[in-house]
């Protein structure tokens, strides 16, 4: 892997981490769960990420946010 590609992936990973932490923080501050409209998100997907894998990712995100806020998984 070229250094430029590696650096870009590291940048994207940090951005994803920041967004996930922000989402969990917002849900914890509000003490409520905002369900993601998963079907709508999957319909908007148009890239190389498979819809099945995206569904799993978003389910894990929701579970992680619930766990962070003290809710049941």
C-alpha atoms as a PDB file:
ATOM      1  CA  UNK A   1       0.000   0.000   0.000  1.00  0.00           C
ATOM      2  CA  UNK A   2       1.337   3.405  -0.920  1.00  0.00           C
ATOM      3  CA  UNK A   3       2.017   5.892   1.903  1.00  0.00           C
ATOM      4  CA  UNK A   4      -0.497   8.367   0.454  1.00  0.00           C
ATOM      5  CA  UNK A   5      -3.232   5.740   0.525  1.00  0.00           C
ATOM      6  CA  UNK A   6      -2.267   4.647   4.049  1.00  0.00           C
ATOM      7  CA  UNK A   7      -2.358   8.273   5.251  1.00  0.00           C
ATOM      8  CA  UNK A   8      -5.731   8.880   3.629  1.00  0.00           C
ATOM      9  CA  UNK A   9      -7.175   5.745   5.250  1.00  0.00           C
ATOM     10  CA  UNK A  10      -5.818   6.841   8.645  1.00  0.00           C
ATOM     11  CA  UNK A  11      -7.454  10.252   8.157  1.00  0.00           C
ATOM     12  CA  UNK A  12     -10.792   8.620   7.274  1.00  0.00           C
ATOM     13  CA  UNK A  13     -10.573   6.288  10.276  1.00  0.00           C
ATOM     14  CA  UNK A  14      -9.993   9.240  12.613  1.00  0.00           C
ATOM     15  CA  UNK A  15     -12.925  11.087  11.037  1.00  0.00           C
ATOM     16  CA  UNK A  16     -15.181   8.039  11.486  1.00  0.00           C
ATOM     17  CA  UNK A  17     -14.084   7.714  15.108  1.00  0.00           C
ATOM     18  CA  UNK A  18     -14.845  11.391  15.778  1.00  0.00           C
ATOM     19  CA  UNK A  19     -18.291  11.102  14.189  1.00  0.00           C
ATOM     20  CA  UNK A  20     -19.146   7.936  16.116  1.00  0.00           C
ATOM     21  CA  UNK A  21     -18.053   9.504  19.397  1.00  0.00           C
ATOM     22  CA  UNK A  22     -20.118  12.610  18.629  1.00  0.00           C
ATOM     23  CA  UNK A  23     -23.188  10.479  17.863  1.00  0.00           C
ATOM     24  CA  UNK A  24     -22.810   8.570  21.131  1.00  0.00           C
ATOM     25  CA  UNK A  25     -22.297  11.818  23.061  1.00  0.00           C
ATOM     26  CA  UNK A  26     -25.439  13.384  21.588  1.00  0.00           C
ATOM     27  CA  UNK A  27     -27.513  10.346  22.481  1.00  0.00           C
ATOM     28  CA  UNK A  28     -26.069  10.218  26.007  1.00  0.00           C
ATOM     29  CA  UNK A  29     -26.799  13.943  26.550  1.00  0.00           C
ATOM     30  CA  UNK A  30     -30.396  13.519  25.453  1.00  0.00           C
ATOM     31  CA  UNK A  31     -30.859  10.235  27.319  1.00  0.00           C
ATOM     32  CA  UNK A  32     -32.935   8.845  24.479  1.00  0.00           C
ATOM     33  CA  UNK A  33     -32.388   6.616  21.526  1.00  0.00           C
ATOM     34  CA  UNK A  34     -32.893   8.033  18.071  1.00  0.00           C
ATOM     35  CA  UNK A  35     -33.419   5.072  15.761  1.00  0.00           C
ATOM     36  CA  UNK A  36     -31.636   5.355  12.458  1.00  0.00           C
ATOM     37  CA  UNK A  37     -33.827   4.894   9.431  1.00  0.00           C
ATOM     38  CA  UNK A  38     -31.713   2.020   8.208  1.00  0.00           C
ATOM     39  CA  UNK A  39     -33.745   1.330   5.078  1.00  0.00           C
ATOM     40  CA  UNK A  40     -33.391   4.955   3.958  1.00  0.00           C
ATOM     41  CA  UNK A  41     -29.657   4.915   4.611  1.00  0.00           C
ATOM     42  CA  UNK A  42     -29.225   1.700   2.639  1.00  0.00           C
ATOM     43  CA  UNK A  43     -31.217   3.103  -0.286  1.00  0.00           C
ATOM     44  CA  UNK A  44     -28.829   6.070  -0.395  1.00  0.00           C
ATOM     45  CA  UNK A  45     -25.769   3.827  -0.539  1.00  0.00           C
ATOM     46  CA  UNK A  46     -24.284   3.821  -4.001  1.00  0.00           C
ATOM     47  CA  UNK A  47     -20.672   2.852  -3.482  1.00  0.00           C
ATOM     48  CA  UNK A  48     -18.573  -0.246  -3.110  1.00  0.00           C
ATOM     49  CA  UNK A  49     -19.804  -1.085   0.420  1.00  0.00           C
ATOM     50  CA  UNK A  50     -22.314  -3.938   0.269  1.00  0.00           C
ATOM     51  CA  UNK A  51     -25.797  -3.196   1.673  1.00  0.00           C
ATOM     52  CA  UNK A  52     -25.581  -6.287   3.898  1.00  0.00           C
ATOM     53  CA  UNK A  53     -22.285  -5.114   5.394  1.00  0.00           C
ATOM     54  CA  UNK A  54     -23.631  -1.558   5.814  1.00  0.00           C
ATOM     55  CA  UNK A  55     -26.635  -2.913   7.662  1.00  0.00           C
ATOM     56  CA  UNK A  56     -24.315  -4.745  10.063  1.00  0.00           C
ATOM     57  CA  UNK A  57     -22.212  -1.621  10.565  1.00  0.00           C
ATOM     58  CA  UNK A  58     -25.211   0.554  11.411  1.00  0.00           C
ATOM     59  CA  UNK A  59     -26.634  -2.094  13.750  1.00  0.00           C
ATOM     60  CA  UNK A  60     -23.286  -2.186  15.566  1.00  0.00           C
ATOM     61  CA  UNK A  61     -23.250   1.627  15.766  1.00  0.00           C
ATOM     62  CA  UNK A  62     -26.719   1.652  17.312  1.00  0.00           C
ATOM     63  CA  UNK A  63     -25.740  -1.058  19.802  1.00  0.00           C
ATOM     64  CA  UNK A  64     -22.560   0.818  20.718  1.00  0.00           C
ATOM     65  CA  UNK A  65     -24.442   4.045  21.326  1.00  0.00           C
ATOM     66  CA  UNK A  66     -26.971   2.232  23.516  1.00  0.00           C
ATOM     67  CA  UNK A  67     -24.146   0.600  25.473  1.00  0.00           C
ATOM     68  CA  UNK A  68     -22.431   3.984  25.940  1.00  0.00           C
ATOM     69  CA  UNK A  69     -25.588   5.560  27.317  1.00  0.00           C
ATOM     70  CA  UNK A  70     -26.170   2.695  29.729  1.00  0.00           C
ATOM     71  CA  UNK A  71     -29.014   1.155  27.743  1.00  0.00           C
ATOM     72  CA  UNK A  72     -29.554  -2.486  26.969  1.00  0.00           C
ATOM     73  CA  UNK A  73     -27.926  -4.017  23.948  1.00  0.00           C
END
